[in-house]
C-alpha cells in the first residue's frame, strides 16, 4: 500500500509541479515577460521626444545606452509620424540630427517611415550631452537643417 501511495503522489506532483514541461513553462512566463519589458532599456534609459504642432499625433522615444567603446548608442523609435510628403510644405525625407551645445548640428542620416507611419533609427555618437531632433528636408544629404524640428529631445548623461 505504501508503494502505490508513493507512486500516486509522485504522478500528481510531476503532472502539476515544476518538473513537468507544462510546469516549467508556467514558471518561466514571469521571467520571460520581465526580460521582454526590460530588454529595450537594458543598460540605458528612455527619453520621450517632444512633437511639434506640425505633427501633433507623432510620438518619439530615444533609448540610450553605451557601446563597448563608451559611445552613446541611440535607438530612436517613432510612431504616428506622417510621411514628409504629407506636410505643408511637402518634403521628401526626414533627417535625424545631433547637436552639441555651441556646435553645428550633425546630419546622422535619414529616418525612414513605413506605411504604418512608424520608423526606427539607430546611430552611435561620442557626445554625452546633446540635442537630438528630426527635420523634414528636401533630401537626406542636406548639410544643415533647413526647417523646423518635428521631434526633439535633450540628452544629458
Protein backbone atom coordinates (compact mmCIF):
# COMPACT_ATOMS: atom_id res chain seq x y z
CA UNK A 1 0.00 0.00 0.00
CA UNK A 2 2.80 2.31 0.75
CA UNK A 3 4.30 1.90 -2.70
CA UNK A 4 1.09 2.70 -4.56
CA UNK A 5 0.57 5.78 -2.42
CA UNK A 6 4.04 6.97 -3.21
CA UNK A 7 3.51 6.40 -6.91
CA UNK A 8 0.21 8.28 -6.84
CA UNK A 9 1.80 11.29 -5.09
CA UNK A 10 4.73 11.25 -7.48
CA UNK A 11 2.46 11.15 -10.54
CA UNK A 12 0.38 14.04 -9.21
CA UNK A 13 3.35 16.22 -8.37
CA UNK A 14 5.07 15.63 -11.71
CA UNK A 15 1.91 16.44 -13.65
CA UNK A 16 1.35 19.73 -11.86
CA UNK A 17 4.69 20.61 -10.41
CA UNK A 18 7.70 22.42 -11.84
CA UNK A 19 9.32 19.19 -13.01
CA UNK A 20 6.82 18.73 -15.86
CA UNK A 21 7.18 20.60 -19.13
CA UNK A 22 3.90 22.38 -18.52
CA UNK A 23 5.02 23.43 -15.04
CA UNK A 24 8.37 24.68 -16.34
CA UNK A 25 6.66 26.80 -18.99
CA UNK A 26 4.25 28.30 -16.46
CA UNK A 27 7.10 29.09 -14.08
CA UNK A 28 9.13 30.69 -16.89
CA UNK A 29 6.38 33.07 -18.08
CA UNK A 30 7.04 35.81 -15.47
CA UNK A 31 10.76 35.72 -16.25
CA UNK A 32 10.16 35.91 -20.00
CA UNK A 33 7.78 38.87 -19.55
CA UNK A 34 10.25 40.68 -17.30
CA UNK A 35 13.05 40.27 -19.86
CA UNK A 36 10.79 41.42 -22.71
CA UNK A 37 9.81 44.57 -20.82
CA UNK A 38 13.31 45.47 -19.67
CA UNK A 39 15.30 44.45 -22.76
CA UNK A 40 14.98 47.78 -24.65
CA UNK A 41 16.16 49.62 -21.54
CA UNK A 42 18.97 47.26 -20.59
CA UNK A 43 21.93 49.34 -19.51
CA UNK A 44 20.32 52.56 -20.66
CA UNK A 45 17.45 54.92 -20.32
CA UNK A 46 14.41 56.18 -22.17
CA UNK A 47 13.87 59.79 -23.26
CA UNK A 48 10.47 60.83 -24.66
CA UNK A 49 10.66 63.21 -27.61
CA UNK A 50 8.52 66.33 -27.98
CA UNK A 51 6.42 66.61 -31.16
CA UNK A 52 5.87 69.91 -32.96
CA UNK A 53 2.43 71.25 -33.83
CA UNK A 54 3.00 70.28 -37.47
CA UNK A 55 2.83 66.57 -36.48
CA UNK A 56 0.69 66.57 -33.31
CA UNK A 57 -0.05 62.82 -33.37
CA UNK A 58 3.62 61.86 -33.64
CA UNK A 59 5.32 60.08 -30.76
CA UNK A 60 9.03 59.52 -30.45
CA UNK A 61 11.25 57.80 -27.92
CA UNK A 62 15.03 57.68 -27.72
CA UNK A 63 16.56 54.67 -25.97
CA UNK A 64 20.07 55.48 -24.76
CA UNK A 65 22.82 53.07 -23.83
CA UNK A 66 26.58 52.78 -24.30
CA UNK A 67 28.53 50.63 -26.69
CA UNK A 68 31.73 48.81 -25.72
CA UNK A 69 33.75 51.97 -26.54
CA UNK A 70 31.63 54.06 -24.14
CA UNK A 71 29.97 55.94 -27.02
CA UNK A 72 26.31 56.90 -26.77
CA UNK A 73 24.22 54.27 -28.57
CA UNK A 74 20.97 55.82 -29.76
CA UNK A 75 17.88 53.87 -30.78
CA UNK A 76 15.07 56.21 -31.86
CA UNK A 77 11.58 54.81 -32.38
CA UNK A 78 8.76 56.93 -33.81
CA UNK A 79 5.06 56.28 -34.23
CA UNK A 80 2.22 58.11 -35.99
CA UNK A 81 4.67 60.32 -37.92
CA UNK A 82 3.10 61.50 -41.18
CA UNK A 83 5.12 60.95 -44.33
CA UNK A 84 7.17 64.05 -45.15
CA UNK A 85 5.27 64.43 -48.44
CA UNK A 86 2.06 64.95 -46.39
CA UNK A 87 3.48 68.02 -44.60
CA UNK A 88 2.89 71.65 -45.57
CA UNK A 89 5.07 72.40 -47.44
CA UNK A 90 5.70 68.84 -48.64
CA UNK A 91 9.21 67.44 -48.17
CA UNK A 92 10.92 64.24 -49.34
CA UNK A 93 12.84 62.97 -46.28
CA UNK A 94 13.12 63.09 -42.52
CA UNK A 95 16.68 63.69 -41.30
CA UNK A 96 17.99 62.90 -37.80
CA UNK A 97 20.37 65.46 -36.30
CA UNK A 98 22.62 65.54 -33.24
CA UNK A 99 23.73 68.90 -31.90
CA UNK A 100 26.15 69.51 -29.07
CA UNK A 101 25.70 72.81 -27.26
CA UNK A 102 27.59 75.57 -29.08
CA UNK A 103 28.22 73.45 -32.19
CA UNK A 104 26.55 72.97 -35.55
CA UNK A 105 24.02 70.17 -35.97
CA UNK A 106 25.41 66.95 -37.48
CA UNK A 107 23.35 65.01 -40.04
CA UNK A 108 23.06 61.41 -38.79
CA UNK A 109 21.03 60.09 -41.72
CA UNK A 110 17.52 59.53 -42.96
CA UNK A 111 14.67 58.33 -40.77
CA UNK A 112 12.52 56.07 -42.94
CA UNK A 113 8.79 55.96 -42.21
CA UNK A 114 6.80 52.86 -43.15
CA UNK A 115 3.25 52.57 -44.42
CA UNK A 116 2.19 52.13 -40.78
CA UNK A 117 3.65 55.62 -40.02
CA UNK A 118 6.30 54.08 -37.73
CA UNK A 119 10.07 54.21 -38.03
CA UNK A 120 13.29 53.39 -36.25
CA UNK A 121 16.75 54.93 -36.48
CA UNK A 122 19.95 53.76 -34.78
CA UNK A 123 23.26 55.56 -34.53
CA UNK A 124 26.27 55.97 -32.26
CA UNK A 125 27.77 59.25 -31.06
CA UNK A 126 30.82 60.15 -28.96
CA UNK A 127 28.83 63.01 -27.39
CA UNK A 128 27.42 62.70 -23.86
CA UNK A 129 25.22 65.83 -23.72
CA UNK A 130 23.40 66.84 -26.87
CA UNK A 131 20.12 67.53 -28.57
CA UNK A 132 18.68 65.03 -30.99
CA UNK A 133 16.00 66.17 -33.41
CA UNK A 134 14.26 65.30 -36.66
CA UNK A 135 13.54 67.72 -39.51
CA UNK A 136 11.68 67.33 -42.79
CA UNK A 137 14.01 68.14 -45.68
CA UNK A 138 14.10 68.19 -49.48
CA UNK A 139 16.59 65.31 -49.35
CA UNK A 140 18.61 63.25 -46.86
CA UNK A 141 22.01 64.70 -47.83
CA UNK A 142 21.48 68.26 -46.55
CA UNK A 143 24.42 69.70 -44.60
CA UNK A 144 22.37 71.74 -42.12
CA UNK A 145 18.73 71.73 -41.05
CA UNK A 146 16.56 73.98 -43.19
CA UNK A 147 13.20 73.55 -41.50
CA UNK A 148 11.71 73.34 -38.05
CA UNK A 149 12.21 70.22 -35.96
CA UNK A 150 9.22 67.86 -35.91
CA UNK A 151 10.55 65.82 -32.95
CA UNK A 152 13.12 66.89 -30.35
CA UNK A 153 14.83 65.56 -27.21
CA UNK A 154 17.67 66.66 -24.95
CA UNK A 155 20.14 64.01 -23.83
CA UNK A 156 22.29 64.58 -20.75
CA UNK A 157 24.22 61.69 -19.24
